[in-house]
Amino acid sequence: MTLLFVDHCELLNQFEKFQGLEAQDEQAERMELADHARNAIATLDNGIKSLDDLDVFFQYLHAVGETHARIPGFEKGNFRKIKGPFLCAVRETLQERYTPNIEAIYRVTIDFLIETLVDGYENGLKRQQDYFNSTED
């Protein structure tokens, strides 16, 4: 998952603790970056595991999406950048069991996860705007 941040270096500047990383090798080796990549994968894993209870699924991923609305400069399109690294991680994990059918299933799954994160992000932006509007009065 660190490939997400290596391939999309601009995402690093969204997080204070990753600002100033320059070389791709340095980025991939940073412990904090590896931890964030693990957190991103854990979020996706928890989302997949909660698919059997959609109330939990939506509540969890909407909350994660909302937290990203508080990151200055973060854009909802950033969530879509995790798709390639996620599918790569699945392919590496499953190896010979990674068939075209499995890939199709995981593509649909990651798209659903991402759209749910985006919905949460947009809800977070709306809440911020509603709060801002209520304090202006």
N, C-alpha and C. Protein backbone atom coordinates (compact mmCIF):
# COMPACT_ATOMS: atom_id res chain seq x y z
N MET A 1 0.81 -1.20 0.00
CA MET A 1 0.00 0.00 0.00
C MET A 1 0.85 1.26 0.00
N THR A 2 2.11 1.13 0.37
CA THR A 2 2.94 2.33 0.29
C THR A 2 3.06 2.80 -1.15
N LEU A 3 2.75 1.90 -2.12
CA LEU A 3 2.74 2.30 -3.52
C LEU A 3 1.78 3.45 -3.76
N LEU A 4 0.69 3.49 -3.01
CA LEU A 4 -0.27 4.58 -3.14
C LEU A 4 0.45 5.91 -2.96
N PHE A 5 1.30 6.00 -1.95
CA PHE A 5 1.98 7.25 -1.64
C PHE A 5 3.22 7.45 -2.51
N VAL A 6 3.80 6.39 -2.99
CA VAL A 6 4.94 6.52 -3.89
C VAL A 6 4.45 6.99 -5.26
N ASP A 7 3.35 6.39 -5.73
CA ASP A 7 2.80 6.77 -7.04
C ASP A 7 2.10 8.12 -7.02
N HIS A 8 1.60 8.52 -5.86
CA HIS A 8 0.86 9.79 -5.74
C HIS A 8 1.49 10.62 -4.62
N CYS A 9 2.69 11.11 -4.88
CA CYS A 9 3.46 11.86 -3.88
C CYS A 9 2.69 13.06 -3.34
N GLU A 10 1.81 13.63 -4.17
CA GLU A 10 1.07 14.81 -3.72
C GLU A 10 0.18 14.51 -2.52
N LEU A 11 -0.18 13.26 -2.33
CA LEU A 11 -1.01 12.89 -1.18
C LEU A 11 -0.25 13.08 0.13
N LEU A 12 1.06 12.93 0.09
CA LEU A 12 1.85 13.06 1.31
C LEU A 12 1.72 14.44 1.93
N ASN A 13 1.63 15.45 1.11
CA ASN A 13 1.55 16.81 1.63
C ASN A 13 0.24 17.09 2.34
N GLN A 14 -0.72 16.20 2.21
CA GLN A 14 -2.00 16.36 2.89
C GLN A 14 -1.87 16.04 4.38
N PHE A 15 -0.83 15.31 4.73
CA PHE A 15 -0.65 14.87 6.10
C PHE A 15 0.59 15.54 6.67
N GLU A 16 0.42 16.27 7.77
CA GLU A 16 1.52 17.04 8.34
C GLU A 16 2.77 16.21 8.58
N LYS A 17 2.60 15.01 9.11
CA LYS A 17 3.78 14.23 9.48
C LYS A 17 4.55 13.70 8.28
N PHE A 18 3.97 13.78 7.06
CA PHE A 18 4.67 13.31 5.87
C PHE A 18 5.20 14.44 5.01
N GLN A 19 4.93 15.67 5.37
CA GLN A 19 5.40 16.79 4.56
C GLN A 19 6.91 16.85 4.59
N GLY A 20 7.49 17.18 3.46
CA GLY A 20 8.94 17.30 3.38
C GLY A 20 9.63 16.04 2.90
N LEU A 21 8.90 14.95 2.71
CA LEU A 21 9.54 13.75 2.15
C LEU A 21 9.76 13.99 0.66
N GLU A 22 10.95 13.69 0.19
CA GLU A 22 11.26 14.02 -1.20
C GLU A 22 11.52 12.79 -2.05
N ALA A 23 12.51 12.04 -1.72
CA ALA A 23 12.88 10.89 -2.55
C ALA A 23 11.89 9.75 -2.35
N GLN A 24 11.56 9.07 -3.45
CA GLN A 24 10.62 7.96 -3.34
C GLN A 24 11.13 6.87 -2.40
N ASP A 25 12.43 6.61 -2.44
CA ASP A 25 12.99 5.60 -1.54
C ASP A 25 12.77 6.02 -0.09
N GLU A 26 12.99 7.29 0.20
CA GLU A 26 12.80 7.79 1.56
C GLU A 26 11.33 7.65 1.97
N GLN A 27 10.43 7.93 1.05
CA GLN A 27 9.01 7.82 1.35
C GLN A 27 8.63 6.39 1.71
N ALA A 28 9.08 5.45 0.91
CA ALA A 28 8.71 4.05 1.11
C ALA A 28 9.26 3.51 2.42
N GLU A 29 10.38 4.07 2.89
CA GLU A 29 11.02 3.55 4.09
C GLU A 29 10.51 4.18 5.38
N ARG A 30 9.84 5.28 5.30
CA ARG A 30 9.40 5.97 6.51
C ARG A 30 8.40 5.13 7.28
N MET A 31 8.65 4.94 8.55
CA MET A 31 7.80 4.11 9.39
C MET A 31 6.39 4.68 9.48
N GLU A 32 6.29 6.00 9.61
CA GLU A 32 4.97 6.62 9.71
C GLU A 32 4.15 6.38 8.45
N LEU A 33 4.82 6.44 7.32
CA LEU A 33 4.15 6.21 6.05
C LEU A 33 3.68 4.76 5.96
N ALA A 34 4.52 3.85 6.37
CA ALA A 34 4.13 2.44 6.38
C ALA A 34 2.95 2.22 7.32
N ASP A 35 2.97 2.89 8.47
CA ASP A 35 1.84 2.78 9.40
C ASP A 35 0.56 3.31 8.79
N HIS A 36 0.65 4.44 8.10
CA HIS A 36 -0.55 5.00 7.48
C HIS A 36 -1.07 4.07 6.38
N ALA A 37 -0.16 3.49 5.61
CA ALA A 37 -0.56 2.54 4.57
C ALA A 37 -1.24 1.33 5.21
N ARG A 38 -0.71 0.86 6.34
CA ARG A 38 -1.35 -0.26 7.04
C ARG A 38 -2.73 0.13 7.54
N ASN A 39 -2.86 1.37 8.04
CA ASN A 39 -4.17 1.84 8.49
C ASN A 39 -5.16 1.90 7.33
N ALA A 40 -4.69 2.34 6.17
CA ALA A 40 -5.56 2.40 4.99
C ALA A 40 -6.03 1.00 4.61
N ILE A 41 -5.11 0.05 4.59
CA ILE A 41 -5.47 -1.33 4.27
C ILE A 41 -6.39 -1.91 5.32
N ALA A 42 -6.13 -1.61 6.60
CA ALA A 42 -6.99 -2.10 7.68
C ALA A 42 -8.40 -1.52 7.55
N THR A 43 -8.50 -0.27 7.13
CA THR A 43 -9.81 0.34 6.91
C THR A 43 -10.56 -0.40 5.82
N LEU A 44 -9.88 -0.68 4.72
CA LEU A 44 -10.53 -1.43 3.64
C LEU A 44 -10.89 -2.83 4.09
N ASP A 45 -10.00 -3.47 4.83
CA ASP A 45 -10.25 -4.81 5.34
C ASP A 45 -11.45 -4.82 6.27
N ASN A 46 -11.51 -3.85 7.19
CA ASN A 46 -12.65 -3.76 8.10
C ASN A 46 -13.94 -3.48 7.34
N GLY A 47 -13.84 -2.66 6.30
CA GLY A 47 -15.01 -2.40 5.47
C GLY A 47 -15.51 -3.67 4.81
N ILE A 48 -14.61 -4.45 4.24
CA ILE A 48 -14.99 -5.71 3.59
C ILE A 48 -15.59 -6.67 4.61
N LYS A 49 -14.96 -6.78 5.78
CA LYS A 49 -15.47 -7.69 6.81
C LYS A 49 -16.84 -7.28 7.32
N SER A 50 -17.18 -6.00 7.23
CA SER A 50 -18.47 -5.54 7.75
C SER A 50 -19.57 -5.57 6.69
N LEU A 51 -19.27 -6.07 5.50
CA LEU A 51 -20.28 -6.11 4.44
C LEU A 51 -21.49 -6.97 4.80
N ASP A 52 -21.33 -7.89 5.74
CA ASP A 52 -22.47 -8.73 6.13
C ASP A 52 -23.45 -7.98 7.03
N ASP A 53 -23.07 -6.80 7.52
CA ASP A 53 -23.97 -5.94 8.31
C ASP A 53 -23.84 -4.53 7.74
N LEU A 54 -24.70 -4.21 6.79
CA LEU A 54 -24.55 -2.95 6.06
C LEU A 54 -24.68 -1.71 6.94
N ASP A 55 -25.42 -1.82 8.04
CA ASP A 55 -25.49 -0.68 8.96
C ASP A 55 -24.11 -0.36 9.52
N VAL A 56 -23.40 -1.40 9.95
CA VAL A 56 -22.04 -1.23 10.47
C VAL A 56 -21.11 -0.75 9.36
N PHE A 57 -21.24 -1.35 8.19
CA PHE A 57 -20.42 -0.98 7.03
C PHE A 57 -20.52 0.51 6.74
N PHE A 58 -21.75 1.00 6.56
CA PHE A 58 -21.94 2.41 6.21
C PHE A 58 -21.51 3.33 7.35
N GLN A 59 -21.83 2.96 8.57
CA GLN A 59 -21.45 3.80 9.70
C GLN A 59 -19.92 3.94 9.78
N TYR A 60 -19.23 2.82 9.64
CA TYR A 60 -17.77 2.82 9.75
C TYR A 60 -17.12 3.63 8.63
N LEU A 61 -17.45 3.32 7.37
CA LEU A 61 -16.78 3.99 6.26
C LEU A 61 -17.21 5.44 6.12
N HIS A 62 -18.45 5.75 6.47
CA HIS A 62 -18.85 7.16 6.46
C HIS A 62 -18.04 7.94 7.48
N ALA A 63 -17.81 7.35 8.65
CA ALA A 63 -17.01 8.03 9.68
C ALA A 63 -15.58 8.26 9.20
N VAL A 64 -15.00 7.27 8.55
CA VAL A 64 -13.64 7.42 8.02
C VAL A 64 -13.62 8.52 6.95
N GLY A 65 -14.60 8.50 6.07
CA GLY A 65 -14.68 9.53 5.04
C GLY A 65 -14.82 10.92 5.64
N GLU A 66 -15.64 11.03 6.68
CA GLU A 66 -15.84 12.33 7.34
C GLU A 66 -14.54 12.84 7.96
N THR A 67 -13.73 11.96 8.52
CA THR A 67 -12.47 12.43 9.12
C THR A 67 -11.56 13.05 8.07
N HIS A 68 -11.62 12.54 6.85
CA HIS A 68 -10.79 13.09 5.78
C HIS A 68 -11.27 14.47 5.33
N ALA A 69 -12.53 14.79 5.60
CA ALA A 69 -13.05 16.13 5.26
C ALA A 69 -12.38 17.20 6.11
N ARG A 70 -11.79 16.81 7.22
CA ARG A 70 -11.11 17.77 8.09
C ARG A 70 -9.64 17.99 7.71
N ILE A 71 -9.16 17.28 6.73
CA ILE A 71 -7.77 17.43 6.29
C ILE A 71 -7.73 18.54 5.24
N PRO A 72 -7.04 19.63 5.54
CA PRO A 72 -6.99 20.74 4.58
C PRO A 72 -6.43 20.30 3.23
N GLY A 73 -7.14 20.64 2.18
CA GLY A 73 -6.69 20.33 0.83
C GLY A 73 -7.02 18.94 0.34
N PHE A 74 -7.57 18.09 1.21
CA PHE A 74 -7.92 16.74 0.78
C PHE A 74 -9.09 16.83 -0.19
N GLU A 75 -9.06 16.04 -1.24
CA GLU A 75 -10.13 16.02 -2.22
C GLU A 75 -10.69 14.61 -2.32
N LYS A 76 -11.98 14.51 -2.60
CA LYS A 76 -12.62 13.19 -2.64
C LYS A 76 -12.00 12.28 -3.69
N GLY A 77 -11.45 12.86 -4.76
CA GLY A 77 -10.80 12.05 -5.78
C GLY A 77 -9.59 11.29 -5.26
N ASN A 78 -9.03 11.75 -4.14
CA ASN A 78 -7.89 11.04 -3.56
C ASN A 78 -8.25 9.62 -3.14
N PHE A 79 -9.51 9.41 -2.74
CA PHE A 79 -9.92 8.06 -2.35
C PHE A 79 -9.79 7.09 -3.52
N ARG A 80 -10.04 7.56 -4.72
CA ARG A 80 -10.01 6.69 -5.90
C ARG A 80 -8.59 6.21 -6.21
N LYS A 81 -7.61 6.91 -5.71
CA LYS A 81 -6.21 6.55 -5.99
C LYS A 81 -5.78 5.29 -5.25
N ILE A 82 -6.60 4.82 -4.35
CA ILE A 82 -6.23 3.61 -3.61
C ILE A 82 -6.60 2.34 -4.38
N LYS A 83 -7.41 2.48 -5.42
CA LYS A 83 -7.91 1.32 -6.15
C LYS A 83 -6.77 0.47 -6.73
N GLY A 84 -5.85 1.08 -7.47
CA GLY A 84 -4.75 0.33 -8.09
C GLY A 84 -3.88 -0.38 -7.07
N PRO A 85 -3.37 0.35 -6.06
CA PRO A 85 -2.55 -0.32 -5.05
C PRO A 85 -3.31 -1.42 -4.29
N PHE A 86 -4.61 -1.20 -4.05
CA PHE A 86 -5.41 -2.23 -3.37
C PHE A 86 -5.48 -3.49 -4.23
N LEU A 87 -5.81 -3.34 -5.52
CA LEU A 87 -5.90 -4.51 -6.39
C LEU A 87 -4.55 -5.20 -6.53
N CYS A 88 -3.48 -4.42 -6.55
CA CYS A 88 -2.13 -4.99 -6.59
C CYS A 88 -1.85 -5.82 -5.34
N ALA A 89 -2.24 -5.28 -4.18
CA ALA A 89 -2.04 -6.01 -2.91
C ALA A 89 -2.84 -7.30 -2.89
N VAL A 90 -4.07 -7.26 -3.41
CA VAL A 90 -4.90 -8.47 -3.47
C VAL A 90 -4.25 -9.48 -4.40
N ARG A 91 -3.78 -9.02 -5.57
CA ARG A 91 -3.13 -9.91 -6.54
C ARG A 91 -1.90 -10.57 -5.92
N GLU A 92 -1.09 -9.79 -5.20
CA GLU A 92 0.11 -10.33 -4.57
C GLU A 92 -0.23 -11.32 -3.47
N THR A 93 -1.31 -11.05 -2.75
CA THR A 93 -1.71 -11.93 -1.65
C THR A 93 -2.26 -13.25 -2.18
N LEU A 94 -3.11 -13.18 -3.19
CA LEU A 94 -3.77 -14.38 -3.70
C LEU A 94 -2.92 -15.15 -4.70
N GLN A 95 -1.98 -14.51 -5.32
CA GLN A 95 -1.07 -15.10 -6.31
C GLN A 95 -1.83 -15.92 -7.35
N GLU A 96 -1.61 -17.23 -7.44
CA GLU A 96 -2.23 -18.04 -8.49
C GLU A 96 -3.75 -18.16 -8.33
N ARG A 97 -4.26 -17.84 -7.15
CA ARG A 97 -5.72 -17.89 -6.94
C ARG A 97 -6.41 -16.62 -7.45
N TYR A 98 -5.63 -15.64 -7.89
CA TYR A 98 -6.16 -14.38 -8.41
C TYR A 98 -6.58 -14.60 -9.86
N THR A 99 -7.84 -14.88 -10.05
CA THR A 99 -8.39 -15.16 -11.37
C THR A 99 -9.11 -13.93 -11.90
N PRO A 100 -9.46 -13.92 -13.18
CA PRO A 100 -10.24 -12.79 -13.71
C PRO A 100 -11.57 -12.60 -12.96
N ASN A 101 -12.18 -13.69 -12.53
CA ASN A 101 -13.43 -13.59 -11.78
C ASN A 101 -13.20 -12.93 -10.42
N ILE A 102 -12.15 -13.34 -9.73
CA ILE A 102 -11.81 -12.73 -8.43
C ILE A 102 -11.49 -11.25 -8.62
N GLU A 103 -10.75 -10.93 -9.68
CA GLU A 103 -10.43 -9.53 -9.94
C GLU A 103 -11.71 -8.71 -10.14
N ALA A 104 -12.65 -9.25 -10.90
CA ALA A 104 -13.92 -8.54 -11.14
C ALA A 104 -14.66 -8.30 -9.83
N ILE A 105 -14.66 -9.30 -8.96
CA ILE A 105 -15.33 -9.18 -7.66
C ILE A 105 -14.66 -8.09 -6.82
N TYR A 106 -13.34 -8.11 -6.77
CA TYR A 106 -12.63 -7.10 -5.98
C TYR A 106 -12.74 -5.70 -6.58
N ARG A 107 -12.85 -5.60 -7.90
CA ARG A 107 -13.05 -4.29 -8.52
C ARG A 107 -14.40 -3.69 -8.10
N VAL A 108 -15.43 -4.51 -8.13
CA VAL A 108 -16.76 -4.03 -7.69
C VAL A 108 -16.71 -3.67 -6.21
N THR A 109 -16.06 -4.51 -5.43
CA THR A 109 -15.97 -4.28 -3.98
C THR A 109 -15.24 -2.98 -3.66
N ILE A 110 -14.08 -2.76 -4.28
CA ILE A 110 -13.31 -1.55 -3.97
C ILE A 110 -14.05 -0.31 -4.45
N ASP A 111 -14.75 -0.42 -5.58
CA ASP A 111 -15.54 0.72 -6.05
C ASP A 111 -16.63 1.07 -5.04
N PHE A 112 -17.28 0.06 -4.48
CA PHE A 112 -18.32 0.28 -3.47
C PHE A 112 -17.73 0.90 -2.20
N LEU A 113 -16.59 0.39 -1.77
CA LEU A 113 -15.91 0.95 -0.60
C LEU A 113 -15.54 2.42 -0.84
N ILE A 114 -14.98 2.69 -1.99
CA ILE A 114 -14.55 4.06 -2.29
C ILE A 114 -15.75 5.00 -2.34
N GLU A 115 -16.82 4.58 -3.01
CA GLU A 115 -18.00 5.45 -3.09
C GLU A 115 -18.59 5.71 -1.70
N THR A 116 -18.51 4.74 -0.83
CA THR A 116 -19.01 4.93 0.54
C THR A 116 -18.11 5.90 1.31
N LEU A 117 -16.80 5.79 1.13
CA LEU A 117 -15.88 6.76 1.73
C LEU A 117 -16.16 8.17 1.21
N VAL A 118 -16.38 8.28 -0.10
CA VAL A 118 -16.68 9.58 -0.71
C VAL A 118 -17.97 10.15 -0.13
N ASP A 119 -18.99 9.30 0.02
CA ASP A 119 -20.24 9.77 0.63
C ASP A 119 -19.99 10.32 2.03
N GLY A 120 -19.19 9.62 2.81
CA GLY A 120 -18.85 10.09 4.15
C GLY A 120 -18.09 11.40 4.11
N TYR A 121 -17.17 11.50 3.17
CA TYR A 121 -16.39 12.73 3.00
C TYR A 121 -17.32 13.90 2.68
N GLU A 122 -18.24 13.68 1.74
CA GLU A 122 -19.17 14.75 1.36
C GLU A 122 -20.09 15.11 2.52
N ASN A 123 -20.51 14.12 3.30
CA ASN A 123 -21.31 14.40 4.50
C ASN A 123 -20.51 15.26 5.48
N GLY A 124 -19.23 14.96 5.62
CA GLY A 124 -18.37 15.74 6.51
C GLY A 124 -18.24 17.18 6.05
N LEU A 125 -18.07 17.37 4.75
CA LEU A 125 -18.00 18.73 4.21
C LEU A 125 -19.30 19.48 4.45
N LYS A 126 -20.42 18.78 4.26
CA LYS A 126 -21.73 19.42 4.47
C LYS A 126 -21.90 19.80 5.94
N ARG A 127 -21.50 18.92 6.83
CA ARG A 127 -21.59 19.24 8.27
C ARG A 127 -20.74 20.46 8.62
N GLN A 128 -19.54 20.52 8.05
CA GLN A 128 -18.68 21.68 8.30
C GLN A 128 -19.33 22.95 7.79
N GLN A 129 -19.91 22.88 6.59
CA GLN A 129 -20.56 24.06 6.02
C GLN A 129 -21.78 24.46 6.84
N ASP A 130 -22.58 23.47 7.26
CA ASP A 130 -23.75 23.76 8.10
C ASP A 130 -23.32 24.41 9.41
N TYR A 131 -22.25 23.90 10.00
CA TYR A 131 -21.75 24.47 11.25
C TYR A 131 -21.28 25.91 11.02
N PHE A 132 -20.53 26.10 9.96
CA PHE A 132 -20.03 27.44 9.64
C PHE A 132 -21.20 28.41 9.44
N ASN A 133 -22.21 27.96 8.69
CA ASN A 133 -23.38 28.81 8.43
C ASN A 133 -24.13 29.13 9.71
N SER A 134 -24.20 28.17 10.64
CA SER A 134 -24.94 28.40 11.89
C SER A 134 -24.20 29.35 12.83
N THR A 135 -22.89 29.42 12.70
CA THR A 135 -22.12 30.33 13.57
C THR A 135 -22.09 31.75 13.01
N GLU A 136 -22.44 31.90 11.74
CA GLU A 136 -22.47 33.24 11.13
C GLU A 136 -23.69 34.03 11.59
N ASP A 137 -24.75 33.34 11.94
CA ASP A 137 -26.00 34.02 12.31
C ASP A 137 -25.94 34.71 13.62
